[in-house]
Amino acid sequence: MVISKIELFDELLRNRALLFKALAHPARLQILQFLAETKTCISGDITEVLPLSRTTVNQHLKELKDVGLIQGHVTGVNMNYCLDYNKVKQMKEILSGFLNEIEIPENFCCK
């Protein structure tokens, strides 16, 4: 039986990595910011706010949807995208918790 290298790590780290990977592109960060700023679901074409093609934007939306940071719902011929505020809150807690686990000594110096 062959296992992938990612399976060598515990589930908590794998879940964090999936979430952090979704945040690791400026287009996805801009999509999240845009949805947060509008404070509503966006219906139709979100490509107007990004300097990318529709196909590329759709790929980024899919990445965000796959990790649950956004929700997409079909209404007629349009797709409505919204932030999943519960998941965003959870993401903030996960990121904060992860950073709090990394303790840096006061007099740390790397030469």
C-alpha atoms as a PDB file:
ATOM      1  CA  MET A   1       0.000   0.000   0.000  1.00  0.00           C
ATOM      2  CA  VAL A   2       1.355   3.397  -1.032  1.00  0.00           C
ATOM      3  CA  ILE A   3       0.513   6.468   0.999  1.00  0.00           C
ATOM      4  CA  SER A   4       0.988  10.038  -0.128  1.00  0.00           C
ATOM      5  CA  LYS A   5       3.434  12.211   1.741  1.00  0.00           C
ATOM      6  CA  ILE A   6       0.630  14.438   2.969  1.00  0.00           C
ATOM      7  CA  GLU A   7      -0.830  11.475   4.859  1.00  0.00           C
ATOM      8  CA  LEU A   8       2.321  11.392   6.987  1.00  0.00           C
ATOM      9  CA  PHE A   9       0.986  14.431   8.851  1.00  0.00           C
ATOM     10  CA  ASP A  10      -1.873  14.522  11.321  1.00  0.00           C
ATOM     11  CA  GLU A  11      -5.366  15.526  10.272  1.00  0.00           C
ATOM     12  CA  LEU A  12      -5.206  18.901  12.019  1.00  0.00           C
ATOM     13  CA  LEU A  13      -2.148  19.959  10.016  1.00  0.00           C
ATOM     14  CA  ARG A  14      -3.645  18.639   6.762  1.00  0.00           C
ATOM     15  CA  ASN A  15      -6.856  20.605   7.351  1.00  0.00           C
ATOM     16  CA  ARG A  16      -4.912  23.761   8.169  1.00  0.00           C
ATOM     17  CA  ALA A  17      -2.808  23.332   5.041  1.00  0.00           C
ATOM     18  CA  LEU A  18      -5.901  23.051   2.836  1.00  0.00           C
ATOM     19  CA  LEU A  19      -7.314  26.232   4.314  1.00  0.00           C
ATOM     20  CA  PHE A  20      -4.026  28.121   4.100  1.00  0.00           C
ATOM     21  CA  LYS A  21      -3.571  26.958   0.494  1.00  0.00           C
ATOM     22  CA  ALA A  22      -6.920  28.538  -0.377  1.00  0.00           C
ATOM     23  CA  LEU A  23      -5.577  31.830   0.991  1.00  0.00           C
ATOM     24  CA  ALA A  24      -2.285  31.564  -0.894  1.00  0.00           C
ATOM     25  CA  HIS A  25      -3.266  33.493  -4.012  1.00  0.00           C
ATOM     26  CA  PRO A  26      -3.900  37.248  -4.320  1.00  0.00           C
ATOM     27  CA  ALA A  27      -6.977  36.704  -6.506  1.00  0.00           C
ATOM     28  CA  ARG A  28      -8.631  34.574  -3.834  1.00  0.00           C
ATOM     29  CA  LEU A  29      -7.755  37.116  -1.158  1.00  0.00           C
ATOM     30  CA  GLN A  30      -9.263  39.874  -3.304  1.00  0.00           C
ATOM     31  CA  ILE A  31     -12.428  37.826  -3.845  1.00  0.00           C
ATOM     32  CA  LEU A  32     -12.784  37.363  -0.077  1.00  0.00           C
ATOM     33  CA  GLN A  33     -12.178  41.072   0.534  1.00  0.00           C
ATOM     34  CA  PHE A  34     -14.664  42.029  -2.154  1.00  0.00           C
ATOM     35  CA  LEU A  35     -17.381  39.775  -0.761  1.00  0.00           C
ATOM     36  CA  ALA A  36     -16.694  41.047   2.775  1.00  0.00           C
ATOM     37  CA  GLU A  37     -16.839  44.694   1.680  1.00  0.00           C
ATOM     38  CA  THR A  38     -20.088  44.296  -0.234  1.00  0.00           C
ATOM     39  CA  LYS A  39     -21.732  42.655   2.818  1.00  0.00           C
ATOM     40  CA  THR A  40     -24.136  40.857   0.500  1.00  0.00           C
ATOM     41  CA  CYS A  41     -24.302  38.026  -1.992  1.00  0.00           C
ATOM     42  CA  ILE A  42     -22.984  38.849  -5.439  1.00  0.00           C
ATOM     43  CA  SER A  43     -25.102  37.770  -8.351  1.00  0.00           C
ATOM     44  CA  GLY A  44     -23.617  37.402 -11.784  1.00  0.00           C
ATOM     45  CA  ASP A  45     -20.149  38.186 -13.002  1.00  0.00           C
ATOM     46  CA  ILE A  46     -17.492  38.882 -10.374  1.00  0.00           C
ATOM     47  CA  THR A  47     -14.762  39.152 -13.036  1.00  0.00           C
ATOM     48  CA  GLU A  48     -15.398  42.878 -13.326  1.00  0.00           C
ATOM     49  CA  VAL A  49     -13.501  43.445 -10.069  1.00  0.00           C
ATOM     50  CA  LEU A  50     -10.519  41.229 -10.944  1.00  0.00           C
ATOM     51  CA  PRO A  51      -7.890  41.576 -13.685  1.00  0.00           C
ATOM     52  CA  LEU A  52      -8.393  37.942 -14.722  1.00  0.00           C
ATOM     53  CA  SER A  53     -10.420  35.990 -17.245  1.00  0.00           C
ATOM     54  CA  ARG A  54     -13.788  34.532 -16.304  1.00  0.00           C
ATOM     55  CA  THR A  55     -12.382  30.991 -16.467  1.00  0.00           C
ATOM     56  CA  THR A  56      -9.546  31.854 -14.084  1.00  0.00           C
ATOM     57  CA  VAL A  57     -11.888  33.629 -11.665  1.00  0.00           C
ATOM     58  CA  ASN A  58     -14.202  30.618 -11.699  1.00  0.00           C
ATOM     59  CA  GLN A  59     -11.261  28.375 -10.768  1.00  0.00           C
ATOM     60  CA  HIS A  60     -10.451  30.636  -7.812  1.00  0.00           C
ATOM     61  CA  LEU A  61     -14.103  30.721  -6.746  1.00  0.00           C
ATOM     62  CA  LYS A  62     -14.126  26.924  -6.843  1.00  0.00           C
ATOM     63  CA  GLU A  63     -11.048  26.748  -4.578  1.00  0.00           C
ATOM     64  CA  LEU A  64     -12.718  29.045  -2.049  1.00  0.00           C
ATOM     65  CA  LYS A  65     -15.978  27.134  -2.278  1.00  0.00           C
ATOM     66  CA  ASP A  66     -14.217  23.770  -1.841  1.00  0.00           C
ATOM     67  CA  VAL A  67     -12.798  24.839   1.540  1.00  0.00           C
ATOM     68  CA  GLY A  68     -16.135  26.378   2.519  1.00  0.00           C
ATOM     69  CA  LEU A  69     -15.093  30.034   2.741  1.00  0.00           C
ATOM     70  CA  ILE A  70     -17.739  31.007   0.207  1.00  0.00           C
ATOM     71  CA  GLN A  71     -21.064  29.574  -0.815  1.00  0.00           C
ATOM     72  CA  GLY A  72     -22.434  29.527  -4.334  1.00  0.00           C
ATOM     73  CA  HIS A  73     -26.110  29.202  -5.135  1.00  0.00           C
ATOM     74  CA  VAL A  74     -27.740  29.109  -8.550  1.00  0.00           C
ATOM     75  CA  THR A  75     -30.597  31.563  -9.001  1.00  0.00           C
ATOM     76  CA  GLY A  76     -32.065  31.356 -12.477  1.00  0.00           C
ATOM     77  CA  VAL A  77     -29.153  31.785 -14.869  1.00  0.00           C
ATOM     78  CA  ASN A  78     -26.929  33.503 -12.303  1.00  0.00           C
ATOM     79  CA  MET A  79     -24.645  32.162  -9.622  1.00  0.00           C
ATOM     80  CA  ASN A  80     -24.796  33.995  -6.305  1.00  0.00           C
ATOM     81  CA  TYR A  81     -21.630  34.015  -4.191  1.00  0.00           C
ATOM     82  CA  CYS A  82     -21.557  34.834  -0.488  1.00  0.00           C
ATOM     83  CA  LEU A  83     -19.020  34.602   2.289  1.00  0.00           C
ATOM     84  CA  ASP A  84     -19.703  31.828   4.747  1.00  0.00           C
ATOM     85  CA  TYR A  85     -19.276  33.974   7.845  1.00  0.00           C
ATOM     86  CA  ASN A  86     -19.138  30.976  10.176  1.00  0.00           C
ATOM     87  CA  LYS A  87     -16.306  29.428   8.161  1.00  0.00           C
ATOM     88  CA  VAL A  88     -14.470  32.777   7.978  1.00  0.00           C
ATOM     89  CA  LYS A  89     -14.762  33.093  11.766  1.00  0.00           C
ATOM     90  CA  GLN A  90     -13.468  29.532  12.120  1.00  0.00           C
ATOM     91  CA  MET A  91     -10.596  30.342   9.736  1.00  0.00           C
ATOM     92  CA  LYS A  92      -9.628  33.350  11.846  1.00  0.00           C
ATOM     93  CA  GLU A  93      -9.566  31.153  14.957  1.00  0.00           C
ATOM     94  CA  ILE A  94      -7.504  28.475  13.189  1.00  0.00           C
ATOM     95  CA  LEU A  95      -4.988  30.998  11.860  1.00  0.00           C
ATOM     96  CA  SER A  96      -4.736  32.782  15.199  1.00  0.00           C
ATOM     97  CA  GLY A  97      -4.332  29.489  17.051  1.00  0.00           C
ATOM     98  CA  PHE A  98      -1.642  28.319  14.652  1.00  0.00           C
ATOM     99  CA  LEU A  99       0.338  31.540  15.006  1.00  0.00           C
ATOM    100  CA  ASN A 100      -0.009  31.412  18.797  1.00  0.00           C
ATOM    101  CA  GLU A 101       1.517  27.908  18.764  1.00  0.00           C
ATOM    102  CA  ILE A 102       4.693  29.293  17.208  1.00  0.00           C
ATOM    103  CA  GLU A 103       6.639  30.684  20.107  1.00  0.00           C
ATOM    104  CA  ILE A 104       9.612  32.884  19.290  1.00  0.00           C
ATOM    105  CA  PRO A 105      12.069  33.504  22.130  1.00  0.00           C
ATOM    106  CA  GLU A 106      12.546  37.163  23.048  1.00  0.00           C
ATOM    107  CA  ASN A 107      16.236  37.208  22.203  1.00  0.00           C
ATOM    108  CA  PHE A 108      15.918  35.058  19.087  1.00  0.00           C
ATOM    109  CA  CYS A 109      18.594  35.706  16.497  1.00  0.00           C
ATOM    110  CA  CYS A 110      19.197  33.649  13.402  1.00  0.00           C
ATOM    111  CA  LYS A 111      22.615  34.095  11.849  1.00  0.00           C
END
